[in-house]
Structures are given as C-alpha cells and as structure tokens.
Amino acid sequence: MAYACKVYEQQHLIQPDVDLMIDIQSTGLESKDNNGVTHQAFLDFDSIFVHINSFQLAVNDDTLYYTLPIENHKIDLLSFVSKDTVLWKEVFIHRGRLDSKGVLEVTNEGNYVVDHQGDRHPLQLRQPFFNFELFSKMKIEEPLKYGIKLDFMHSLQVVEHDDGTYTLSQKDKGGYQNGMMFLYQLQ
C-alpha cells in the first residue's frame, strides 16, 4: 500500500519503505510595515515563497540530513497547510529518541512575496535557517513509520523596509522564537 500526498498540483506516492515524511505548516505569520506597526495577517500579499534546502534532526545523537529530491523547491508560506507535504529523500531511522531541536535550511536567493496584482517583490532572509523545538513524544519504535510536522506557530515575521524591500525572520523575543515540531505515527 502507498500513501498519496499533494504538493501543489502534483501527486506523489510515498512508498511503504519510506520511513519519514515532513509536513510544513505556517500559522500565525505576522508582518511589520515600514512604520513599525505589526499586522497579524498579510492583507497586501497573496503569497510568500521561500526555497527550502534541507531539514536536520538528531536521532540518538546522530544528525540526520533530509534533502529535497529536487533542487530549489519552494513553498508558499501563506497557502501551505498541514495536509500539504514536502517529500524528502529516504532516510532510515533506527529506533531511539529524537533530539528536541530541528533545523530547516533555506536558500537566501530567489525568495519573494507576491502582491494582489501578481507583482513579485524580493524577499531577503535574515538567516538561512529556521529553528524548531519538539513538542511531542520523542521515542521512535520499529517497524513503525513516522512523520514530522513543522509548524512555524507565530515564530515568523516579515518586515517591510522604507526602500520597498522585505525581510523574513524568526522573532528575536517573545513567546514564539522557534517553530514547533511534532512526531506522529503514520497509519
């Protein structure tokens, strides 16, 4: 039996021998305009596209690197929801314990926001990665299959600058400086 997941408009199959898949969800995005006023939603933009490179996670003190099967894969942070899935190359996981930290690496080139007229505006990233903390069980048991959900959970903000450029970053202070990471068993 295989599982089907939707990535944009393409169908991909997760074969039974794949041991992990990654879900990315972006909730609670905030923006600051060039006057420093914080907005809870992006009223002027339809999309925020970010190119993703890899995801790093430690299991039993060994770092696992999940790299994308295609280069320059981008996701739209404003329309990606929990049922959309980014598929990664297979990495076998031995039973054990997950570390409480994960890192999503992104590319600092080619990112952009799209306004309501369809115009693109360059988007810079303050750092080429986003941090996540584990908020679920840590134990991995064989021969089960697992997924990891990454939820930015109010940790991201876009800042508009006076020159019309934008910067995306995780927050420096406040309750949500990192995204949340959840381990779940696949059916």
Protein backbone atom coordinates (compact mmCIF):
# COMPACT_ATOMS: atom_id res chain seq x y z
CA MET A 1 0.00 0.00 0.00
CA ALA A 2 1.26 3.52 -0.76
CA TYR A 3 0.19 6.89 0.58
CA ALA A 4 -0.63 9.82 -1.70
CA CYS A 5 0.26 13.37 -0.71
CA LYS A 6 -0.39 16.57 -2.60
CA VAL A 7 2.43 19.00 -3.28
CA TYR A 8 0.88 21.95 -5.10
CA GLU A 9 -0.88 20.34 -8.07
CA GLN A 10 1.30 17.23 -8.39
CA GLN A 11 0.56 13.85 -6.87
CA HIS A 12 3.44 11.93 -5.31
CA LEU A 13 3.41 8.49 -3.77
CA ILE A 14 5.09 7.65 -0.51
CA GLN A 15 6.17 4.05 -0.89
CA PRO A 16 5.92 1.68 2.08
CA ASP A 17 9.69 1.61 2.61
CA VAL A 18 9.85 5.36 3.28
CA ASP A 19 10.32 5.79 6.99
CA LEU A 20 9.74 9.51 7.47
CA MET A 21 7.96 12.38 5.82
CA ILE A 22 7.93 16.05 6.72
CA ASP A 23 4.84 18.29 6.89
CA ILE A 24 5.25 22.05 6.98
CA GLN A 25 2.52 24.32 8.32
CA SER A 26 2.75 28.08 8.71
CA THR A 27 0.30 29.55 11.18
CA GLY A 28 0.39 32.90 12.88
CA LEU A 29 2.54 34.81 10.40
CA GLU A 30 2.98 38.47 11.30
CA SER A 31 4.20 41.45 9.32
CA LYS A 32 5.60 44.85 10.24
CA ASP A 33 5.19 47.75 7.88
CA ASN A 34 7.84 50.43 7.34
CA ASN A 35 6.33 52.42 10.24
CA GLY A 36 6.95 49.54 12.65
CA VAL A 37 3.26 48.66 13.00
CA THR A 38 2.67 44.91 13.48
CA HIS A 39 -0.10 43.22 11.49
CA GLN A 40 -1.44 39.75 12.28
CA ALA A 41 -2.16 38.97 8.63
CA PHE A 42 -0.79 39.84 5.21
CA LEU A 43 -3.53 41.97 3.74
CA ASP A 44 -1.44 43.23 0.82
CA PHE A 45 0.10 39.91 -0.27
CA ASP A 46 -1.19 36.70 -1.76
CA SER A 47 1.99 34.63 -1.42
CA ILE A 48 5.33 34.40 0.35
CA PHE A 49 7.63 31.99 -1.49
CA VAL A 50 10.69 30.52 0.23
CA HIS A 51 13.16 28.00 -1.24
CA ILE A 52 13.89 25.05 1.07
CA ASN A 53 17.14 23.07 1.03
CA SER A 54 17.10 20.53 3.84
CA PHE A 55 15.96 19.55 7.30
CA GLN A 56 18.33 18.44 10.06
CA LEU A 57 17.34 16.40 13.07
CA ALA A 58 19.32 14.38 15.60
CA VAL A 59 18.27 10.84 16.50
CA ASN A 60 20.31 9.06 19.18
CA ASP A 61 22.91 11.85 18.94
CA ASP A 62 23.44 11.23 15.20
CA THR A 63 22.42 14.09 12.91
CA LEU A 64 20.16 13.09 10.04
CA TYR A 65 20.02 15.27 6.93
CA TYR A 66 16.85 15.19 4.86
CA THR A 67 17.50 16.77 1.48
CA LEU A 68 14.90 17.51 -1.15
CA PRO A 69 14.73 15.21 -4.17
CA ILE A 70 14.67 18.27 -6.44
CA GLU A 71 16.67 21.48 -6.22
CA ASN A 72 15.20 24.89 -5.50
CA HIS A 73 11.94 23.59 -4.09
CA LYS A 74 9.80 26.44 -2.89
CA ILE A 75 6.72 26.59 -0.71
CA ASP A 76 4.17 29.35 -0.27
CA LEU A 77 4.01 30.15 3.43
CA LEU A 78 0.58 31.76 3.07
CA SER A 79 -1.18 28.82 1.44
CA PHE A 80 0.70 25.82 2.82
CA VAL A 81 -1.40 23.90 5.32
CA SER A 82 -0.87 20.78 7.37
CA LYS A 83 -2.13 18.41 4.67
CA ASP A 84 0.38 19.70 2.13
CA THR A 85 3.60 17.76 2.36
CA VAL A 86 7.17 18.32 1.28
CA LEU A 87 8.70 14.98 0.33
CA TRP A 88 12.29 14.25 1.20
CA LYS A 89 14.81 11.62 0.16
CA GLU A 90 14.55 8.45 2.18
CA VAL A 91 16.49 8.28 5.42
CA PHE A 92 16.23 5.14 7.52
CA ILE A 93 15.61 5.83 11.19
CA HIS A 94 16.69 3.42 13.89
CA ARG A 95 14.58 3.21 16.98
CA GLY A 96 15.59 5.60 19.69
CA ARG A 97 14.99 9.17 20.76
CA LEU A 98 14.67 12.38 18.80
CA ASP A 99 16.57 15.44 19.89
CA SER A 100 14.36 18.33 20.92
CA LYS A 101 15.73 20.64 18.17
CA GLY A 102 15.37 20.61 14.40
CA VAL A 103 16.68 23.00 11.73
CA LEU A 104 15.03 23.78 8.38
CA GLU A 105 17.65 25.18 5.98
CA VAL A 106 16.52 27.64 3.33
CA THR A 107 18.17 29.46 0.43
CA ASN A 108 18.62 33.21 0.72
CA GLU A 109 18.22 33.70 -3.04
CA GLY A 110 15.12 33.65 -5.18
CA ASN A 111 12.61 34.21 -2.37
CA TYR A 112 9.80 36.70 -2.97
CA VAL A 113 6.39 37.98 -1.97
CA VAL A 114 3.51 38.35 -4.45
CA ASP A 115 1.02 41.20 -4.10
CA HIS A 116 -2.65 41.20 -5.15
CA GLN A 117 -1.76 42.43 -8.65
CA GLY A 118 0.58 39.46 -9.15
CA ASP A 119 3.76 41.55 -8.91
CA ARG A 120 6.79 39.98 -7.25
CA HIS A 121 8.88 41.76 -4.64
CA PRO A 122 12.26 40.39 -3.45
CA LEU A 123 12.33 38.80 0.00
CA GLN A 124 15.55 38.51 1.98
CA LEU A 125 16.04 36.09 4.85
CA ARG A 126 17.85 37.32 7.93
CA GLN A 127 19.26 33.82 8.48
CA PRO A 128 19.41 30.84 6.09
CA PHE A 129 17.60 28.57 8.55
CA PHE A 130 14.60 28.27 10.86
CA ASN A 131 14.70 26.55 14.25
CA PHE A 132 12.07 24.17 15.61
CA GLU A 133 11.50 22.63 19.05
CA LEU A 134 9.91 19.24 19.65
CA PHE A 135 6.52 19.35 21.41
CA SER A 136 5.55 15.69 21.28
CA LYS A 137 6.83 12.29 22.24
CA MET A 138 10.47 11.65 21.42
CA LYS A 139 10.61 7.87 21.18
CA ILE A 140 10.83 6.13 17.79
CA GLU A 141 9.90 2.45 17.65
CA GLU A 142 10.48 -0.05 14.84
CA PRO A 143 8.96 -1.04 12.46
CA LEU A 144 6.57 1.88 12.55
CA LYS A 145 6.55 4.75 10.07
CA TYR A 146 6.56 8.35 11.24
CA GLY A 147 6.01 11.86 10.05
CA ILE A 148 7.31 15.08 11.49
CA LYS A 149 5.11 18.16 11.35
CA LEU A 150 6.91 21.51 11.35
CA ASP A 151 4.65 24.39 12.37
CA PHE A 152 6.11 27.90 12.33
CA MET A 153 3.49 28.74 15.01
CA HIS A 154 3.73 32.54 15.29
CA SER A 155 7.54 32.49 15.11
CA LEU A 156 7.88 34.20 11.70
CA GLN A 157 7.61 37.83 10.77
CA VAL A 158 8.09 39.82 7.58
CA VAL A 159 9.45 43.35 7.92
CA GLU A 160 8.81 45.95 5.23
CA HIS A 161 11.66 48.44 4.78
CA ASP A 162 11.50 52.05 3.59
CA ASP A 163 13.13 51.12 0.27
CA GLY A 164 10.29 48.70 -0.56
CA THR A 165 12.20 45.52 0.26
CA TYR A 166 11.13 42.83 2.71
CA THR A 167 12.94 40.62 5.22
CA LEU A 168 11.68 37.32 6.66
CA SER A 169 12.96 36.11 10.03
CA GLN A 170 12.10 34.26 13.17
CA LYS A 171 11.34 36.53 16.10
CA ASP A 172 14.10 37.62 18.47
CA LYS A 173 11.94 37.83 21.55
CA GLY A 174 8.52 36.93 22.79
CA GLY A 175 6.81 33.61 23.35
CA TYR A 176 7.35 32.16 19.87
CA GLN A 177 11.00 32.41 18.88
CA ASN A 178 11.11 28.90 17.37
CA GLY A 179 8.62 26.87 15.41
CA MET A 180 7.06 23.71 16.82
CA MET A 181 7.94 20.18 15.74
CA PHE A 182 5.66 17.16 16.27
CA LEU A 183 6.42 13.46 15.75
CA TYR A 184 3.41 11.38 14.71
CA GLN A 185 2.84 7.81 13.61
CA LEU A 186 1.70 7.17 10.05
CA GLN A 187 -1.28 4.87 9.56
